[in-house]
Protein backbone atom coordinates (compact mmCIF):
# COMPACT_ATOMS: atom_id res chain seq x y z
CA MET A 1 51.19 34.07 -2.21
CA ALA A 2 49.70 31.01 -3.60
CA ARG A 3 47.22 31.16 -0.86
CA LYS A 4 46.27 34.46 -1.77
CA LEU A 5 45.96 33.06 -5.21
CA SER A 6 43.83 30.34 -4.34
CA ARG A 7 41.11 32.87 -2.30
CA MET A 8 40.85 35.00 -5.45
CA PRO A 9 38.24 32.81 -7.40
CA ARG A 10 35.94 32.16 -4.16
CA LEU A 11 35.85 35.79 -3.39
CA ALA A 12 35.03 36.71 -7.02
CA ALA A 13 32.17 34.38 -6.81
CA ILE A 14 30.59 35.88 -3.99
CA PRO A 15 29.04 39.46 -6.07
CA VAL A 16 28.49 36.91 -9.17
CA LEU A 17 26.13 34.59 -6.72
CA LEU A 18 24.80 38.08 -5.04
CA ALA A 19 23.99 39.01 -8.65
CA LEU A 20 22.14 35.57 -9.36
CA ILE A 21 20.24 36.10 -6.23
CA GLY A 22 19.26 39.38 -7.09
CA TRP A 23 18.28 38.66 -10.82
CA MET A 24 16.21 35.26 -9.50
CA GLU A 25 14.22 37.41 -7.16
CA ALA A 26 13.49 40.53 -9.68
CA ARG A 27 13.00 38.53 -12.79
CA HIS A 28 11.50 35.05 -11.59
CA PRO A 29 12.71 33.61 -15.02
CA VAL A 30 11.23 30.09 -13.80
CA PRO A 31 8.35 28.90 -11.66
CA ALA A 32 10.84 27.26 -9.41
CA PHE A 33 13.15 30.38 -9.44
CA ARG A 34 13.00 30.30 -5.27
CA LEU A 35 14.63 26.73 -5.04
CA PHE A 36 17.49 28.36 -7.29
CA THR A 37 17.64 31.32 -4.88
CA PHE A 38 18.07 29.31 -1.75
CA PHE A 39 20.50 27.31 -3.50
CA PHE A 40 22.56 30.30 -4.39
CA VAL A 41 22.32 31.59 -0.79
CA PHE A 42 23.86 28.08 0.30
CA LEU A 43 26.94 28.60 -1.98
CA VAL A 44 27.36 32.03 -0.40
CA PHE A 45 27.35 31.08 2.97
CA ALA A 46 29.59 27.76 1.78
CA ASP A 47 31.98 30.30 0.16
CA LEU A 48 32.30 32.76 2.83
CA ALA A 49 32.66 29.83 5.52
CA SER A 50 35.59 28.63 3.01
CA LEU A 51 37.36 31.92 3.47
CA LEU A 52 37.37 32.68 7.15
CA LEU A 53 38.64 30.82 10.11
CA GLY A 54 37.84 30.64 13.97
CA LYS A 55 34.10 31.30 15.41
CA GLY A 56 33.13 33.26 12.00
CA ARG A 57 33.66 30.14 10.15
CA ASN A 58 31.56 27.95 12.28
CA GLY A 59 28.73 30.52 12.14
CA LEU A 60 28.82 30.72 8.41
CA VAL A 61 29.03 26.88 8.36
CA VAL A 62 25.94 26.84 10.43
CA LEU A 63 24.37 29.32 8.17
CA ALA A 64 25.30 27.26 4.94
CA SER A 65 23.94 24.15 6.76
CA LEU A 66 20.42 25.79 7.34
CA ALA A 67 20.34 27.34 3.57
CA PHE A 68 21.20 23.79 2.24
CA GLY A 69 18.43 22.36 4.55
CA LEU A 70 15.91 25.18 3.06
CA CYS A 71 16.67 23.72 -0.32
CA VAL A 72 16.23 20.42 0.19
CA VAL A 73 12.47 21.25 1.82
CA GLU A 74 11.65 23.42 -1.12
CA GLY A 75 12.87 20.97 -3.39
CA VAL A 76 10.52 18.47 -2.13
CA ALA A 77 7.75 21.02 -1.85
CA THR A 78 8.23 21.57 -5.66
CA VAL A 79 8.07 18.06 -6.40
CA LEU A 80 5.29 16.92 -4.18
CA GLU A 81 3.01 20.30 -4.90
CA PRO A 82 -0.13 19.63 -7.03
CA LYS A 83 0.02 21.36 -10.14
CA THR A 84 -2.21 22.40 -12.98
CA LEU A 85 -1.45 24.14 -16.26
CA LYS A 86 -3.74 26.98 -16.89
CA LYS A 87 -3.59 29.42 -19.53
CA GLU A 88 -5.85 32.90 -20.16
CA THR A 89 -5.25 35.50 -22.70
CA LYS A 90 -3.21 38.33 -21.36
CA GLY A 91 -5.42 41.03 -19.91
CA TRP A 92 -8.16 38.47 -18.77
CA SER A 93 -7.60 39.60 -15.15
CA VAL A 94 -5.79 42.95 -13.82
CA ALA A 95 -5.83 45.00 -11.05
CA ARG A 96 -8.63 47.36 -10.91
CA PRO A 97 -10.06 50.03 -8.33
CA VAL A 98 -12.81 49.33 -6.01
CA ILE A 99 -13.27 45.68 -6.62
CA GLY A 100 -9.47 44.51 -6.84
CA TRP A 101 -9.38 42.62 -10.17
CA GLY A 102 -11.25 42.15 -13.26
CA PRO A 103 -11.00 41.96 -17.11
CA GLU A 104 -8.63 44.84 -18.90
CA HIS A 105 -10.90 45.48 -21.53
CA PRO A 106 -13.66 44.39 -23.54
CA GLY A 107 -13.07 41.40 -25.89
CA ARG A 108 -12.82 37.50 -26.01
CA PHE A 109 -10.49 36.05 -23.84
CA HIS A 110 -9.48 32.31 -24.23
CA ALA A 111 -8.92 30.02 -21.47
CA GLU A 112 -7.49 26.48 -21.13
CA LYS A 113 -6.47 24.01 -18.05
CA THR A 114 -4.96 20.90 -18.66
CA ASP A 115 -3.63 18.18 -16.07
CA PRO A 116 0.41 18.33 -16.31
CA LYS A 117 0.63 14.87 -15.38
CA SER A 118 -1.49 13.04 -18.26
CA GLY A 119 -1.72 16.21 -20.46
CA ALA A 120 -5.57 15.59 -20.70
CA VAL A 121 -7.68 18.76 -21.27
CA ILE A 122 -9.86 19.72 -18.48
CA TYR A 123 -11.38 22.36 -20.19
CA VAL A 124 -11.39 24.77 -23.04
CA ALA A 125 -13.68 28.05 -23.07
CA ASP A 126 -13.72 31.21 -24.42
CA TYR A 127 -15.22 34.44 -22.11
CA THR A 128 -16.83 37.40 -23.95
CA ILE A 129 -16.60 40.57 -21.87
CA ASP A 130 -18.65 43.33 -23.21
CA ALA A 131 -18.54 47.09 -23.18
CA ASN A 132 -19.49 47.40 -19.32
CA LEU A 133 -16.51 44.66 -18.78
CA LEU A 134 -18.97 42.18 -17.51
CA ARG A 135 -19.52 38.52 -18.85
CA GLN A 136 -21.91 38.75 -22.14
CA THR A 137 -25.37 37.82 -21.21
CA ILE A 138 -27.72 37.92 -24.04
CA SER A 139 -31.15 38.86 -22.90
CA SER A 140 -33.79 41.74 -23.26
CA GLU A 141 -31.53 45.25 -24.03
CA LYS A 142 -34.18 47.16 -21.88
CA GLY A 143 -36.51 46.93 -18.82
CA PRO A 144 -35.70 46.20 -14.97
CA ALA A 145 -32.80 43.82 -14.60
CA ILE A 146 -32.46 40.83 -12.65
CA VAL A 147 -28.76 41.27 -11.63
CA PHE A 148 -26.20 38.05 -10.55
CA PHE A 149 -23.12 38.88 -8.37
CA GLY A 150 -20.84 36.39 -7.27
CA ASP A 151 -17.82 34.63 -7.73
CA SER A 152 -16.56 31.96 -10.86
CA PHE A 153 -19.44 30.02 -10.61
CA THR A 154 -21.70 32.69 -11.40
CA PHE A 155 -19.39 33.72 -13.99
CA GLY A 156 -18.98 30.48 -15.48
CA GLU A 157 -15.33 29.66 -15.40
CA GLY A 158 -14.42 26.82 -17.82
CA LEU A 159 -17.89 27.35 -19.87
CA SER A 160 -18.53 29.03 -22.77
CA ASP A 161 -20.79 32.18 -23.07
CA ALA A 162 -23.98 30.16 -23.51
CA ALA A 163 -23.57 27.86 -20.64
CA THR A 164 -23.32 30.45 -17.74
CA LEU A 165 -25.80 30.33 -14.67
CA PRO A 166 -27.16 33.85 -15.93
CA GLN A 167 -27.04 33.15 -19.63
CA VAL A 168 -29.22 29.78 -19.03
CA PHE A 169 -31.29 31.74 -16.45
CA ALA A 170 -31.86 34.45 -19.12
CA ASP A 171 -32.89 31.58 -21.67
CA LEU A 172 -35.25 30.02 -19.47
CA LEU A 173 -37.11 33.56 -19.38
CA GLY A 174 -37.15 33.37 -23.17
CA ARG A 175 -34.76 36.09 -23.21
CA LYS A 176 -37.40 38.39 -22.50
CA GLN A 177 -36.17 40.11 -19.24
CA ARG A 178 -32.93 41.85 -18.80
CA VAL A 179 -30.39 39.71 -17.12
CA LEU A 180 -26.81 40.72 -15.85
CA ASN A 181 -23.89 38.84 -14.96
CA LEU A 182 -21.72 40.76 -12.52
CA GLY A 183 -19.82 37.76 -11.51
CA PHE A 184 -16.00 37.08 -11.86
CA SER A 185 -13.55 34.60 -10.84
CA GLY A 186 -12.40 35.01 -7.28
CA TYR A 187 -14.83 37.47 -5.92
CA GLY A 188 -16.82 37.18 -3.05
CA PRO A 189 -19.55 38.85 -0.72
CA GLN A 190 -16.90 41.89 -0.39
CA GLN A 191 -17.06 42.67 -4.06
CA PHE A 192 -21.00 42.20 -3.74
CA LEU A 193 -20.86 45.02 -1.03
CA ALA A 194 -18.22 47.14 -2.38
CA GLU A 195 -20.11 47.62 -5.98
CA LEU A 196 -23.12 48.48 -4.05
CA GLN A 197 -21.47 50.94 -1.84
CA THR A 198 -19.58 52.51 -4.63
CA GLY A 199 -22.59 52.29 -7.41
CA ARG A 200 -19.77 50.99 -9.61
CA PHE A 201 -22.12 49.24 -12.07
CA ASP A 202 -25.23 51.43 -11.42
CA GLY A 203 -25.26 52.92 -14.86
CA VAL A 204 -25.47 49.27 -16.11
CA ILE A 205 -27.69 48.22 -13.39
CA GLY A 206 -30.09 50.77 -14.11
CA ALA A 207 -32.54 52.75 -11.75
CA GLN A 208 -34.95 50.04 -10.93
CA PRO A 209 -33.80 46.57 -11.05
CA ARG A 210 -36.30 43.62 -9.92
CA LEU A 211 -33.53 41.44 -8.04
CA PHE A 212 -30.18 40.68 -7.00
CA VAL A 213 -29.14 37.02 -6.92
CA PHE A 214 -25.93 36.34 -5.35
CA MET A 215 -24.81 32.49 -5.35
CA THR A 216 -22.44 31.62 -2.08
CA PHE A 217 -20.90 29.07 0.26
CA ALA A 218 -19.22 29.14 3.30
CA GLY A 219 -15.78 28.73 1.83
CA HIS A 220 -16.39 32.73 0.76
CA ALA A 221 -15.19 33.09 4.46
CA GLU A 222 -11.78 32.78 3.33
CA ARG A 223 -12.20 35.35 0.62
CA THR A 224 -13.93 38.03 3.10
CA ALA A 225 -11.41 37.14 5.73
CA CYS A 226 -8.28 38.14 3.13
CA LYS A 227 -6.58 34.92 3.31
CA PRO A 228 -5.88 33.81 -0.01
CA ILE A 229 -2.95 35.65 -1.83
CA TRP A 230 -5.24 36.32 -4.85
CA VAL A 231 -7.73 38.65 -2.96
CA ARG A 232 -4.71 40.94 -1.96
CA PHE A 233 -6.12 43.78 -3.98
CA GLY A 234 -9.72 43.19 -3.09
CA PRO A 235 -11.76 45.52 -0.67
CA ARG A 236 -11.07 44.39 3.16
CA TYR A 237 -13.87 44.72 5.47
CA ALA A 238 -13.76 44.13 9.41
CA LEU A 239 -15.87 44.89 12.47
CA GLU A 240 -15.63 48.10 13.84
CA ASN A 241 -18.32 48.84 17.03
CA GLY A 242 -20.56 46.03 15.40
CA GLN A 243 -20.54 47.46 12.03
CA VAL A 244 -18.96 46.53 8.79
CA ALA A 245 -16.42 49.11 7.95
CA LEU A 246 -13.99 49.21 4.88
CA LYS A 247 -10.67 49.36 5.80
CA GLY A 248 -8.63 49.60 2.25
CA ALA A 249 -7.15 46.60 0.29
CA CYS A 250 -6.60 43.13 1.43
CA TYR A 251 -2.85 43.44 1.25
CA GLU A 252 -0.93 46.95 1.22
CA GLY A 253 2.70 48.32 1.97
CA LEU A 254 5.32 45.85 3.71
CA ARG A 255 2.56 43.46 4.42
CA LEU A 256 1.96 42.98 0.74
CA ARG A 257 5.41 42.44 -0.38
CA VAL A 258 6.07 40.19 2.64
CA ARG A 259 3.24 38.10 1.61
CA GLU A 260 3.77 37.63 -2.24
CA TRP A 261 7.62 36.96 -1.00
CA LEU A 262 6.21 33.71 0.85
CA GLU A 263 3.73 33.18 -1.92
CA ASN A 264 6.51 32.42 -4.16
CA THR A 265 8.09 29.72 -2.05
CA ALA A 266 6.77 26.08 -2.57
CA SER A 267 7.52 25.16 0.89
CA TYR A 268 5.54 27.79 2.50
CA ARG A 269 2.35 27.08 -0.14
CA LEU A 270 2.63 23.22 0.86
CA PHE A 271 3.48 23.23 4.20
CA ILE A 272 2.25 26.41 5.82
CA GLU A 273 -0.42 27.91 4.06
CA PRO A 274 -3.30 25.36 4.39
CA TYR A 275 -3.11 25.54 7.89
CA LEU A 276 -3.17 29.55 8.01
CA GLN A 277 -5.85 29.45 5.54
CA LYS A 278 -8.41 27.25 7.65
CA VAL A 279 -11.58 29.74 8.68
CA THR A 280 -12.15 30.38 12.10
CA HIS A 281 -15.69 31.20 13.80
CA GLU A 282 -14.46 35.15 13.76
CA ASP A 283 -13.99 34.67 9.55
CA VAL A 284 -17.30 32.76 9.12
CA GLU A 285 -19.07 35.66 11.42
CA LEU A 286 -17.57 38.62 9.42
CA TYR A 287 -18.78 36.53 6.17
CA ILE A 288 -22.01 36.67 7.61
CA ARG A 289 -21.75 40.26 8.38
CA ILE A 290 -20.52 41.59 5.13
CA LEU A 291 -23.29 39.43 3.04
CA LEU A 292 -25.97 40.85 5.32
CA ALA A 293 -24.53 44.18 5.03
CA ALA A 294 -24.97 43.99 0.78
CA VAL A 295 -28.48 42.46 1.77
CA ASN A 296 -29.33 45.66 3.60
CA LEU A 297 -27.92 47.87 1.10
CA ALA A 298 -29.73 46.49 -1.71
CA LYS A 299 -33.08 47.03 -0.13
CA GLU A 300 -32.18 50.63 1.16
CA LYS A 301 -30.37 51.75 -1.88
CA TYR A 302 -31.91 49.77 -4.72
CA GLY A 303 -35.41 48.56 -3.20
CA VAL A 304 -34.80 44.88 -4.08
CA ALA A 305 -34.56 41.88 -2.62
CA THR A 306 -31.49 40.01 -2.61
CA LEU A 307 -31.96 36.09 -3.51
CA ILE A 308 -29.19 33.73 -1.91
CA PRO A 309 -28.68 30.13 -3.96
CA PHE A 310 -26.82 28.59 -1.15
CA ILE A 311 -24.41 25.68 -1.76
CA PRO A 312 -23.54 23.59 1.99
CA VAL A 313 -20.10 22.62 2.41
CA GLY A 314 -20.35 20.31 5.47
CA ASP A 315 -17.00 19.37 6.75
CA TYR A 316 -15.42 22.76 5.47
CA LEU A 317 -17.07 24.17 8.69
CA LYS A 318 -15.75 21.87 11.30
CA GLY A 319 -14.06 23.51 14.25
CA THR A 320 -15.60 26.93 13.67
CA GLY A 321 -18.75 26.41 15.67
CA PHE A 322 -21.05 27.29 12.80
CA SER A 323 -23.11 24.87 10.30
CA ASP A 324 -24.36 25.57 7.18
CA ASP A 325 -28.03 25.68 8.67
CA GLU A 326 -26.94 27.99 11.26
CA ILE A 327 -25.62 30.50 8.09
CA VAL A 328 -28.60 29.95 6.30
CA GLN A 329 -30.84 31.05 9.42
CA ARG A 330 -28.54 33.58 10.23
CA LEU A 331 -28.95 35.15 6.51
CA ARG A 332 -32.75 34.65 6.70
CA ASP A 333 -33.07 36.21 9.75
CA GLY A 334 -31.05 39.23 8.55
CA GLY A 335 -33.56 39.80 5.37
CA ALA A 336 -32.11 37.48 2.83
CA VAL A 337 -34.05 35.03 0.75
CA VAL A 338 -32.15 31.84 0.86
CA LEU A 339 -32.57 28.95 -1.37
CA ASP A 340 -30.74 25.50 -1.26
CA VAL A 341 -28.93 24.74 -4.71
CA SER A 342 -26.79 21.83 -3.60
CA LEU A 343 -28.41 19.61 -5.99
CA ALA A 344 -27.57 16.58 -3.46
CA LYS A 345 -30.51 14.52 -5.20
CA GLU A 346 -29.16 15.17 -8.39
CA GLU A 347 -25.58 14.10 -7.54
CA ALA A 348 -26.58 11.01 -5.78
CA ALA A 349 -28.64 10.05 -8.72
CA GLY A 350 -25.05 10.24 -10.84
CA ALA A 351 -25.75 13.88 -12.40
CA LYS A 352 -22.12 15.39 -13.55
CA LEU A 353 -22.14 18.37 -11.58
CA VAL A 354 -18.75 19.86 -11.68
CA ILE A 355 -15.96 19.75 -14.16
CA GLU A 356 -13.61 17.11 -13.87
CA GLY A 357 -10.37 18.09 -12.47
CA ASP A 358 -11.58 21.23 -11.59
CA GLY A 359 -14.30 22.02 -9.46
CA HIS A 360 -16.59 24.29 -11.46
CA PRO A 361 -20.16 23.75 -12.29
CA THR A 362 -21.01 21.66 -15.55
CA PRO A 363 -23.56 23.17 -17.87
CA SER A 364 -26.05 20.64 -16.40
CA ALA A 365 -25.47 21.97 -12.87
CA ASN A 366 -26.19 25.59 -14.18
CA ARG A 367 -29.25 24.20 -15.90
CA LEU A 368 -30.59 22.68 -12.65
CA ARG A 369 -29.59 25.79 -10.63
CA ALA A 370 -31.39 28.14 -13.31
CA SER A 371 -34.66 26.21 -13.11
CA ILE A 372 -34.61 26.06 -9.34
CA ILE A 373 -34.19 29.85 -9.01
CA LYS A 374 -36.81 30.71 -11.78
CA ASP A 375 -39.45 28.18 -10.30
CA TYR A 376 -38.60 29.85 -6.99
CA ILE A 377 -38.99 33.43 -7.93
CA GLU A 378 -42.33 32.51 -10.11
CA ASN A 379 -43.75 30.72 -7.13
CA HIS A 380 -42.68 32.73 -4.05
CA MET A 381 -41.63 36.39 -5.36
CA PRO A 382 -44.48 37.68 -7.27
CA GLY A 383 -44.12 40.95 -9.39
CA ILE A 384 -40.33 40.22 -10.29
CA LEU A 385 -40.54 38.30 -13.42
CA VAL A 386 -42.39 40.44 -16.47
CA ALA A 387 -45.53 39.25 -17.34
CA ALA A 388 -44.56 37.97 -20.61
CA VAL A 389 -42.38 35.43 -19.46
CA ARG A 390 -44.55 34.01 -16.69
């Protein structure tokens, strides 16, 4: 009887622990919730082992040991993983059809980023999203548009509305020509192509745009290959019979659920994911093909050239069989107008080109790149700028 009574608390603990595991996995109450999940799993196996005898007990001891090892590894990863504190107004980025994600509604969205160790402010910015769900760019309201597509560099993450690349470019033109900013954080060539294929922004672009601009770097190959978790709702393209074909979203169904589960595990993010996200030759090839498909569609559907300000990445391409120069040549051979905007000389001279602790362009970098783009258009692409701003 005494032995039976001593087993009761341990038996009662099992459903409690299982309930805690379910609650942790369903609610994610704390950032390190997966560590707690692993710890509760360890307690379940240890409790069951204490209730059994013989081979069953031995097996559960092994499982408990493995679970404890997972706890240790997850705890170490939780401590070692680099962290940043980033806050944005709710609704800043939500799931959206075709392009994967974007602003939920027009309005002003506040963004802050701080260093969690020192508490130092990295940036504070407000983003104005207009009625078309695009970053506000003040320019001429009429006339043929110069349209900027792209990622957070084009969007202007960490910067005020006045300091984005499209806005600075519009200012250089005296705001006398229509300029649009279709960039958004995390976008890549796949959004550029999907937007053109579906005509998602045709209404705001207008019937006769003058020029498309897509700033890029080879790091976009991760995105077109659907490797980062934050592209999970974005369009997925693949090569089919030598052509770029849309295959749905990057992650769907069971594949999406498994990837999201893994992504909530610090040990996976720190020790495994960096190796899985390394780009391959096939990834870079797909990146080039998607970008060229967008360039060709721009010509066929809209009758415009695409100017590609290109930022070299150097060692990032090591092991892929590609170099920045080879990518640039492929893009030029495919009909794109490619412009080097690395700003290497300015950086060597001490210019502050990236936001410290973040990596996005500073207002100075955007001014320099906008000037390079404007000068190139004036000197090499006649008929793009309206006569009044030449």
